[in-house]
Amino acid sequence: VLRSGKTGWEKENSHIIEYSLKLDSNPEFT
């Protein structure tokens, strides 16, 4: 899951938020 966003008065700065999962077993993690 990622979000690419801007901050600053003129939106001059960029940021990336990233969250990731790598699962051996989908049902066991769920």
PDB file of all heavy atoms in Angstrom:
ATOM      1  N   VAL A   1       0.867  -1.178   0.000  1.00  0.00           N
ATOM      2  CA  VAL A   1       0.000   0.000   0.000  1.00  0.00           C
ATOM      3  C   VAL A   1       0.899   1.222   0.000  1.00  0.00           C
ATOM      4  O   VAL A   1       1.796   1.335   0.853  1.00  0.00           O
ATOM      5  CB  VAL A   1      -0.919   0.023   1.238  1.00  0.00           C
ATOM      6  CG1 VAL A   1      -1.649   1.354   1.335  1.00  0.00           C
ATOM      7  CG2 VAL A   1      -1.936  -1.097   1.178  1.00  0.00           C
ATOM      8  N   LEU A   2       0.679   2.109  -0.957  1.00  0.00           N
ATOM      9  CA  LEU A   2       1.503   3.311  -1.053  1.00  0.00           C
ATOM     10  C   LEU A   2       0.611   4.542  -1.188  1.00  0.00           C
ATOM     11  O   LEU A   2      -0.484   4.470  -1.761  1.00  0.00           O
ATOM     12  CB  LEU A   2       2.439   3.257  -2.266  1.00  0.00           C
ATOM     13  CG  LEU A   2       3.396   2.070  -2.359  1.00  0.00           C
ATOM     14  CD1 LEU A   2       2.834   1.009  -3.294  1.00  0.00           C
ATOM     15  CD2 LEU A   2       4.767   2.517  -2.856  1.00  0.00           C
ATOM     16  N   ARG A   3       1.087   5.656  -0.647  1.00  0.00           N
ATOM     17  CA  ARG A   3       0.474   6.946  -0.931  1.00  0.00           C
ATOM     18  C   ARG A   3       1.578   7.927  -1.253  1.00  0.00           C
ATOM     19  O   ARG A   3       2.556   8.057  -0.512  1.00  0.00           O
ATOM     20  CB  ARG A   3      -0.373   7.465   0.217  1.00  0.00           C
ATOM     21  CG  ARG A   3      -1.115   8.771  -0.149  1.00  0.00           C
ATOM     22  CD  ARG A   3      -2.247   9.083   0.805  1.00  0.00           C
ATOM     23  NE  ARG A   3      -2.916  10.338   0.497  1.00  0.00           N
ATOM     24  CZ  ARG A   3      -3.903  10.496  -0.389  1.00  0.00           C
ATOM     25  NH1 ARG A   3      -4.320   9.449  -1.102  1.00  0.00           N
ATOM     26  NH2 ARG A   3      -4.465  11.668  -0.599  1.00  0.00           N
ATOM     27  N   SER A   4       1.416   8.598  -2.374  1.00  0.00           N
ATOM     28  CA  SER A   4       2.353   9.606  -2.829  1.00  0.00           C
ATOM     29  C   SER A   4       1.698  10.963  -2.611  1.00  0.00           C
ATOM     30  O   SER A   4       0.595  11.203  -3.123  1.00  0.00           O
ATOM     31  CB  SER A   4       2.665   9.388  -4.313  1.00  0.00           C
ATOM     32  OG  SER A   4       3.473  10.424  -4.817  1.00  0.00           O
ATOM     33  N   GLY A   5       2.324  11.829  -1.807  1.00  0.00           N
ATOM     34  CA  GLY A   5       1.676  13.087  -1.464  1.00  0.00           C
ATOM     35  C   GLY A   5       2.619  14.268  -1.439  1.00  0.00           C
ATOM     36  O   GLY A   5       3.846  14.118  -1.482  1.00  0.00           O
ATOM     37  N   LYS A   6       2.024  15.452  -1.355  1.00  0.00           N
ATOM     38  CA  LYS A   6       2.769  16.712  -1.360  1.00  0.00           C
ATOM     39  C   LYS A   6       2.477  17.494  -0.079  1.00  0.00           C
ATOM     40  O   LYS A   6       1.361  17.476   0.442  1.00  0.00           O
ATOM     41  CB  LYS A   6       2.347  17.567  -2.558  1.00  0.00           C
ATOM     42  CG  LYS A   6       2.579  16.935  -3.923  1.00  0.00           C
ATOM     43  CD  LYS A   6       4.018  17.061  -4.357  1.00  0.00           C
ATOM     44  CE  LYS A   6       4.193  16.630  -5.813  1.00  0.00           C
ATOM     45  NZ  LYS A   6       5.601  16.769  -6.254  1.00  0.00           N
ATOM     46  N   THR A   7       3.497  18.223   0.393  1.00  0.00           N
ATOM     47  CA  THR A   7       3.312  19.177   1.490  1.00  0.00           C
ATOM     48  C   THR A   7       4.026  20.470   1.137  1.00  0.00           C
ATOM     49  O   THR A   7       4.794  20.531   0.165  1.00  0.00           O
ATOM     50  CB  THR A   7       3.864  18.648   2.822  1.00  0.00           C
ATOM     51  OG1 THR A   7       5.283  18.446   2.689  1.00  0.00           O
ATOM     52  CG2 THR A   7       3.190  17.343   3.222  1.00  0.00           C
ATOM     53  N   GLY A   8       3.795  21.480   1.972  1.00  0.00           N
ATOM     54  CA  GLY A   8       4.409  22.780   1.734  1.00  0.00           C
ATOM     55  C   GLY A   8       3.412  23.772   1.159  1.00  0.00           C
ATOM     56  O   GLY A   8       2.385  23.392   0.577  1.00  0.00           O
ATOM     57  N   TRP A   9       3.707  25.077   1.344  1.00  0.00           N
ATOM     58  CA  TRP A   9       2.774  26.125   0.895  1.00  0.00           C
ATOM     59  C   TRP A   9       2.497  26.031  -0.592  1.00  0.00           C
ATOM     60  O   TRP A   9       1.363  26.210  -1.047  1.00  0.00           O
ATOM     61  CB  TRP A   9       3.367  27.491   1.245  1.00  0.00           C
ATOM     62  CG  TRP A   9       2.351  28.599   1.139  1.00  0.00           C
ATOM     63  CD1 TRP A   9       2.289  29.548   0.167  1.00  0.00           C
ATOM     64  CD2 TRP A   9       1.271  28.853   2.035  1.00  0.00           C
ATOM     65  NE1 TRP A   9       1.231  30.379   0.394  1.00  0.00           N
ATOM     66  CE2 TRP A   9       0.578  29.981   1.553  1.00  0.00           C
ATOM     67  CE3 TRP A   9       0.818  28.238   3.204  1.00  0.00           C
ATOM     68  CZ2 TRP A   9      -0.542  30.514   2.184  1.00  0.00           C
ATOM     69  CZ3 TRP A   9      -0.289  28.762   3.832  1.00  0.00           C
ATOM     70  CH2 TRP A   9      -0.959  29.880   3.325  1.00  0.00           C
ATOM     71  N   GLU A  10       3.524  25.731  -1.352  1.00  0.00           N
ATOM     72  CA  GLU A  10       3.375  25.575  -2.802  1.00  0.00           C
ATOM     73  C   GLU A  10       3.451  24.106  -3.215  1.00  0.00           C
ATOM     74  O   GLU A  10       3.721  23.804  -4.382  1.00  0.00           O
ATOM     75  CB  GLU A  10       4.463  26.371  -3.535  1.00  0.00           C
ATOM     76  CG  GLU A  10       4.460  27.866  -3.249  1.00  0.00           C
ATOM     77  CD  GLU A  10       3.211  28.555  -3.784  1.00  0.00           C
ATOM     78  OE1 GLU A  10       2.587  27.999  -4.703  1.00  0.00           O
ATOM     79  OE2 GLU A  10       2.873  29.648  -3.254  1.00  0.00           O
ATOM     80  N   LYS A  11       3.244  23.217  -2.266  1.00  0.00           N
ATOM     81  CA  LYS A  11       3.308  21.766  -2.518  1.00  0.00           C
ATOM     82  C   LYS A  11       4.655  21.385  -3.134  1.00  0.00           C
ATOM     83  O   LYS A  11       4.751  20.605  -4.071  1.00  0.00           O
ATOM     84  CB  LYS A  11       2.168  21.316  -3.429  1.00  0.00           C
ATOM     85  CG  LYS A  11       0.780  21.651  -2.893  1.00  0.00           C
ATOM     86  CD  LYS A  11      -0.301  21.226  -3.863  1.00  0.00           C
ATOM     87  CE  LYS A  11      -1.668  21.708  -3.397  1.00  0.00           C
ATOM     88  NZ  LYS A  11      -2.722  21.398  -4.380  1.00  0.00           N
ATOM     89  N   GLU A  12       5.709  21.983  -2.554  1.00  0.00           N
ATOM     90  CA  GLU A  12       7.031  21.813  -3.151  1.00  0.00           C
ATOM     91  C   GLU A  12       7.759  20.562  -2.688  1.00  0.00           C
ATOM     92  O   GLU A  12       8.780  20.185  -3.283  1.00  0.00           O
ATOM     93  CB  GLU A  12       7.904  23.050  -2.862  1.00  0.00           C
ATOM     94  CG  GLU A  12       8.203  23.293  -1.378  1.00  0.00           C
ATOM     95  CD  GLU A  12       7.169  24.194  -0.683  1.00  0.00           C
ATOM     96  OE1 GLU A  12       6.021  24.249  -1.164  1.00  0.00           O
ATOM     97  OE2 GLU A  12       7.528  24.803   0.324  1.00  0.00           O
ATOM     98  N   ASN A  13       7.254  19.888  -1.649  1.00  0.00           N
ATOM     99  CA  ASN A  13       7.942  18.705  -1.126  1.00  0.00           C
ATOM    100  C   ASN A  13       7.091  17.452  -1.312  1.00  0.00           C
ATOM    101  O   ASN A  13       5.885  17.455  -1.066  1.00  0.00           O
ATOM    102  CB  ASN A  13       8.269  18.898   0.355  1.00  0.00           C
ATOM    103  CG  ASN A  13       9.304  19.984   0.566  1.00  0.00           C
ATOM    104  OD1 ASN A  13      10.351  19.965  -0.069  1.00  0.00           O
ATOM    105  ND2 ASN A  13       9.013  20.939   1.440  1.00  0.00           N
ATOM    106  N   SER A  14       7.766  16.381  -1.741  1.00  0.00           N
ATOM    107  CA  SER A  14       7.075  15.124  -2.039  1.00  0.00           C
ATOM    108  C   SER A  14       7.401  14.083  -0.971  1.00  0.00           C
ATOM    109  O   SER A  14       8.502  14.069  -0.407  1.00  0.00           O
ATOM    110  CB  SER A  14       7.510  14.587  -3.406  1.00  0.00           C
ATOM    111  OG  SER A  14       7.164  15.495  -4.430  1.00  0.00           O
ATOM    112  N   HIS A  15       6.424  13.183  -0.732  1.00  0.00           N
ATOM    113  CA  HIS A  15       6.585  12.140   0.269  1.00  0.00           C
ATOM    114  C   HIS A  15       5.946  10.854  -0.234  1.00  0.00           C
ATOM    115  O   HIS A  15       4.938  10.880  -0.940  1.00  0.00           O
ATOM    116  CB  HIS A  15       5.913  12.540   1.593  1.00  0.00           C
ATOM    117  CG  HIS A  15       6.274  13.908   2.061  1.00  0.00           C
ATOM    118  ND1 HIS A  15       7.390  14.172   2.809  1.00  0.00           N
ATOM    119  CD2 HIS A  15       5.657  15.112   1.868  1.00  0.00           C
ATOM    120  CE1 HIS A  15       7.450  15.468   3.075  1.00  0.00           C
ATOM    121  NE2 HIS A  15       6.408  16.058   2.510  1.00  0.00           N
ATOM    122  N   ILE A  16       6.548   9.742   0.159  1.00  0.00           N
ATOM    123  CA  ILE A  16       5.990   8.421  -0.153  1.00  0.00           C
ATOM    124  C   ILE A  16       5.799   7.659   1.158  1.00  0.00           C
ATOM    125  O   ILE A  16       6.740   7.535   1.947  1.00  0.00           O
ATOM    126  CB  ILE A  16       6.915   7.603  -1.075  1.00  0.00           C
ATOM    127  CG1 ILE A  16       7.196   8.343  -2.387  1.00  0.00           C
ATOM    128  CG2 ILE A  16       6.307   6.212  -1.330  1.00  0.00           C
ATOM    129  CD1 ILE A  16       6.028   8.400  -3.340  1.00  0.00           C
ATOM    130  N   ILE A  17       4.600   7.188   1.378  1.00  0.00           N
ATOM    131  CA  ILE A  17       4.331   6.261   2.485  1.00  0.00           C
ATOM    132  C   ILE A  17       4.150   4.885   1.869  1.00  0.00           C
ATOM    133  O   ILE A  17       3.369   4.728   0.923  1.00  0.00           O
ATOM    134  CB  ILE A  17       3.057   6.658   3.256  1.00  0.00           C
ATOM    135  CG1 ILE A  17       3.216   8.046   3.892  1.00  0.00           C
ATOM    136  CG2 ILE A  17       2.725   5.614   4.319  1.00  0.00           C
ATOM    137  CD1 ILE A  17       1.944   8.575   4.522  1.00  0.00           C
ATOM    138  N   GLU A  18       4.872   3.888   2.377  1.00  0.00           N
ATOM    139  CA  GLU A  18       4.746   2.530   1.850  1.00  0.00           C
ATOM    140  C   GLU A  18       4.651   1.528   2.991  1.00  0.00           C
ATOM    141  O   GLU A  18       5.421   1.584   3.948  1.00  0.00           O
ATOM    142  CB  GLU A  18       5.931   2.167   0.957  1.00  0.00           C
ATOM    143  CG  GLU A  18       5.845   0.742   0.413  1.00  0.00           C
ATOM    144  CD  GLU A  18       6.936   0.410  -0.607  1.00  0.00           C
ATOM    145  OE1 GLU A  18       7.615   1.340  -1.096  1.00  0.00           O
ATOM    146  OE2 GLU A  18       7.107  -0.789  -0.896  1.00  0.00           O
ATOM    147  N   TYR A  19       3.695   0.625   2.858  1.00  0.00           N
ATOM    148  CA  TYR A  19       3.512  -0.463   3.815  1.00  0.00           C
ATOM    149  C   TYR A  19       3.450  -1.749   3.003  1.00  0.00           C
ATOM    150  O   TYR A  19       2.770  -1.797   1.970  1.00  0.00           O
ATOM    151  CB  TYR A  19       2.199  -0.268   4.579  1.00  0.00           C
ATOM    152  CG  TYR A  19       1.845  -1.362   5.550  1.00  0.00           C
ATOM    153  CD1 TYR A  19       2.449  -1.439   6.800  1.00  0.00           C
ATOM    154  CD2 TYR A  19       0.890  -2.319   5.231  1.00  0.00           C
ATOM    155  CE1 TYR A  19       2.109  -2.434   7.705  1.00  0.00           C
ATOM    156  CE2 TYR A  19       0.543  -3.323   6.131  1.00  0.00           C
ATOM    157  CZ  TYR A  19       1.157  -3.372   7.365  1.00  0.00           C
ATOM    158  OH  TYR A  19       0.827  -4.354   8.247  1.00  0.00           O
ATOM    159  N   SER A  20       4.168  -2.775   3.442  1.00  0.00           N
ATOM    160  CA  SER A  20       4.195  -4.003   2.650  1.00  0.00           C
ATOM    161  C   SER A  20       4.079  -5.231   3.542  1.00  0.00           C
ATOM    162  O   SER A  20       4.413  -5.194   4.729  1.00  0.00           O
ATOM    163  CB  SER A  20       5.480  -4.096   1.819  1.00  0.00           C
ATOM    164  OG  SER A  20       6.612  -4.268   2.652  1.00  0.00           O
ATOM    165  N   LEU A  21       3.585  -6.305   2.947  1.00  0.00           N
ATOM    166  CA  LEU A  21       3.484  -7.600   3.603  1.00  0.00           C
ATOM    167  C   LEU A  21       3.999  -8.675   2.665  1.00  0.00           C
ATOM    168  O   LEU A  21       3.758  -8.623   1.459  1.00  0.00           O
ATOM    169  CB  LEU A  21       2.023  -7.926   3.946  1.00  0.00           C
ATOM    170  CG  LEU A  21       1.337  -7.066   5.007  1.00  0.00           C
ATOM    171  CD1 LEU A  21      -0.143  -7.405   5.065  1.00  0.00           C
ATOM    172  CD2 LEU A  21       1.983  -7.275   6.362  1.00  0.00           C
ATOM    173  N   LYS A  22       4.711  -9.649   3.219  1.00  0.00           N
ATOM    174  CA  LYS A  22       5.144 -10.831   2.477  1.00  0.00           C
ATOM    175  C   LYS A  22       4.798 -12.037   3.331  1.00  0.00           C
ATOM    176  O   LYS A  22       5.404 -12.249   4.383  1.00  0.00           O
ATOM    177  CB  LYS A  22       6.645 -10.780   2.181  1.00  0.00           C
ATOM    178  CG  LYS A  22       7.123 -11.923   1.298  1.00  0.00           C
ATOM    179  CD  LYS A  22       8.597 -11.795   0.966  1.00  0.00           C
ATOM    180  CE  LYS A  22       9.061 -12.935   0.070  1.00  0.00           C
ATOM    181  NZ  LYS A  22      10.510 -12.850  -0.244  1.00  0.00           N
ATOM    182  N   LEU A  23       3.827 -12.829   2.882  1.00  0.00           N
ATOM    183  CA  LEU A  23       3.220 -13.848   3.723  1.00  0.00           C
ATOM    184  C   LEU A  23       3.439 -15.242   3.160  1.00  0.00           C
ATOM    185  O   LEU A  23       3.100 -15.506   2.009  1.00  0.00           O
ATOM    186  CB  LEU A  23       1.705 -13.589   3.837  1.00  0.00           C
ATOM    187  CG  LEU A  23       1.283 -12.145   4.102  1.00  0.00           C
ATOM    188  CD1 LEU A  23      -0.222 -12.030   4.055  1.00  0.00           C
ATOM    189  CD2 LEU A  23       1.833 -11.667   5.434  1.00  0.00           C
ATOM    190  N   ASP A  24       3.972 -16.137   3.978  1.00  0.00           N
ATOM    191  CA  ASP A  24       4.081 -17.544   3.582  1.00  0.00           C
ATOM    192  C   ASP A  24       2.703 -18.199   3.513  1.00  0.00           C
ATOM    193  O   ASP A  24       2.465 -19.080   2.689  1.00  0.00           O
ATOM    194  CB  ASP A  24       4.933 -18.319   4.594  1.00  0.00           C
ATOM    195  CG  ASP A  24       6.412 -18.281   4.253  1.00  0.00           C
ATOM    196  OD1 ASP A  24       6.764 -17.724   3.195  1.00  0.00           O
ATOM    197  OD2 ASP A  24       7.201 -18.803   5.053  1.00  0.00           O
ATOM    198  N   SER A  25       1.799 -17.786   4.411  1.00  0.00           N
ATOM    199  CA  SER A  25       0.467 -18.384   4.463  1.00  0.00           C
ATOM    200  C   SER A  25      -0.571 -17.292   4.647  1.00  0.00           C
ATOM    201  O   SER A  25      -0.693 -16.718   5.735  1.00  0.00           O
ATOM    202  CB  SER A  25       0.365 -19.396   5.605  1.00  0.00           C
ATOM    203  OG  SER A  25      -0.984 -19.791   5.791  1.00  0.00           O
ATOM    204  N   ASN A  26      -1.314 -17.017   3.600  1.00  0.00           N
ATOM    205  CA  ASN A  26      -2.387 -16.026   3.647  1.00  0.00           C
ATOM    206  C   ASN A  26      -3.383 -16.337   4.773  1.00  0.00           C
ATOM    207  O   ASN A  26      -3.655 -15.489   5.627  1.00  0.00           O
ATOM    208  CB  ASN A  26      -3.050 -15.976   2.265  1.00  0.00           C
ATOM    209  CG  ASN A  26      -4.211 -15.014   2.176  1.00  0.00           C
ATOM    210  OD1 ASN A  26      -4.596 -14.375   3.139  1.00  0.00           O
ATOM    211  ND2 ASN A  26      -4.785 -14.909   0.993  1.00  0.00           N
ATOM    212  N   PRO A  27      -3.952 -17.575   4.829  1.00  0.00           N
ATOM    213  CA  PRO A  27      -4.954 -17.820   5.870  1.00  0.00           C
ATOM    214  C   PRO A  27      -4.393 -17.768   7.286  1.00  0.00           C
ATOM    215  O   PRO A  27      -5.081 -17.319   8.207  1.00  0.00           O
ATOM    216  CB  PRO A  27      -5.500 -19.216   5.539  1.00  0.00           C
ATOM    217  CG  PRO A  27      -4.502 -19.839   4.633  1.00  0.00           C
ATOM    218  CD  PRO A  27      -3.864 -18.716   3.889  1.00  0.00           C
ATOM    219  N   GLU A  28      -3.151 -18.207   7.503  1.00  0.00           N
ATOM    220  CA  GLU A  28      -2.596 -18.162   8.853  1.00  0.00           C
ATOM    221  C   GLU A  28      -2.327 -16.731   9.303  1.00  0.00           C
ATOM    222  O   GLU A  28      -2.545 -16.383  10.473  1.00  0.00           O
ATOM    223  CB  GLU A  28      -1.325 -19.005   8.941  1.00  0.00           C
ATOM    224  CG  GLU A  28      -1.603 -20.501   8.913  1.00  0.00           C
ATOM    225  CD  GLU A  28      -0.349 -21.340   9.112  1.00  0.00           C
ATOM    226  OE1 GLU A  28       0.721 -20.762   9.429  1.00  0.00           O
ATOM    227  OE2 GLU A  28      -0.434 -22.564   8.945  1.00  0.00           O
ATOM    228  N   PHE A  29      -1.866 -15.878   8.393  1.00  0.00           N
ATOM    229  CA  PHE A  29      -1.656 -14.479   8.761  1.00  0.00           C
ATOM    230  C   PHE A  29      -2.997 -13.796   9.014  1.00  0.00           C
ATOM    231  O   PHE A  29      -3.163 -13.076  10.004  1.00  0.00           O
ATOM    232  CB  PHE A  29      -0.886 -13.743   7.664  1.00  0.00           C
ATOM    233  CG  PHE A  29      -0.559 -12.321   8.029  1.00  0.00           C
ATOM    234  CD1 PHE A  29       0.553 -12.026   8.804  1.00  0.00           C
ATOM    235  CD2 PHE A  29      -1.371 -11.271   7.620  1.00  0.00           C
ATOM    236  CE1 PHE A  29       0.855 -10.718   9.161  1.00  0.00           C
ATOM    237  CE2 PHE A  29      -1.090  -9.962   7.970  1.00  0.00           C
ATOM    238  CZ  PHE A  29       0.028  -9.681   8.742  1.00  0.00           C
ATOM    239  N   THR A  30      -3.964 -14.030   8.134  1.00  0.00           N
ATOM    240  CA  THR A  30      -5.296 -13.461   8.331  1.00  0.00           C
ATOM    241  C   THR A  30      -5.859 -13.889   9.682  1.00  0.00           C
ATOM    242  O   THR A  30      -6.449 -13.086  10.421  1.00  0.00           O
ATOM    243  CB  THR A  30      -6.234 -13.904   7.193  1.00  0.00           C
ATOM    244  OG1 THR A  30      -5.720 -13.426   5.946  1.00  0.00           O
ATOM    245  CG2 THR A  30      -7.649 -13.370   7.390  1.00  0.00           C
TER     246      THR A  30
END
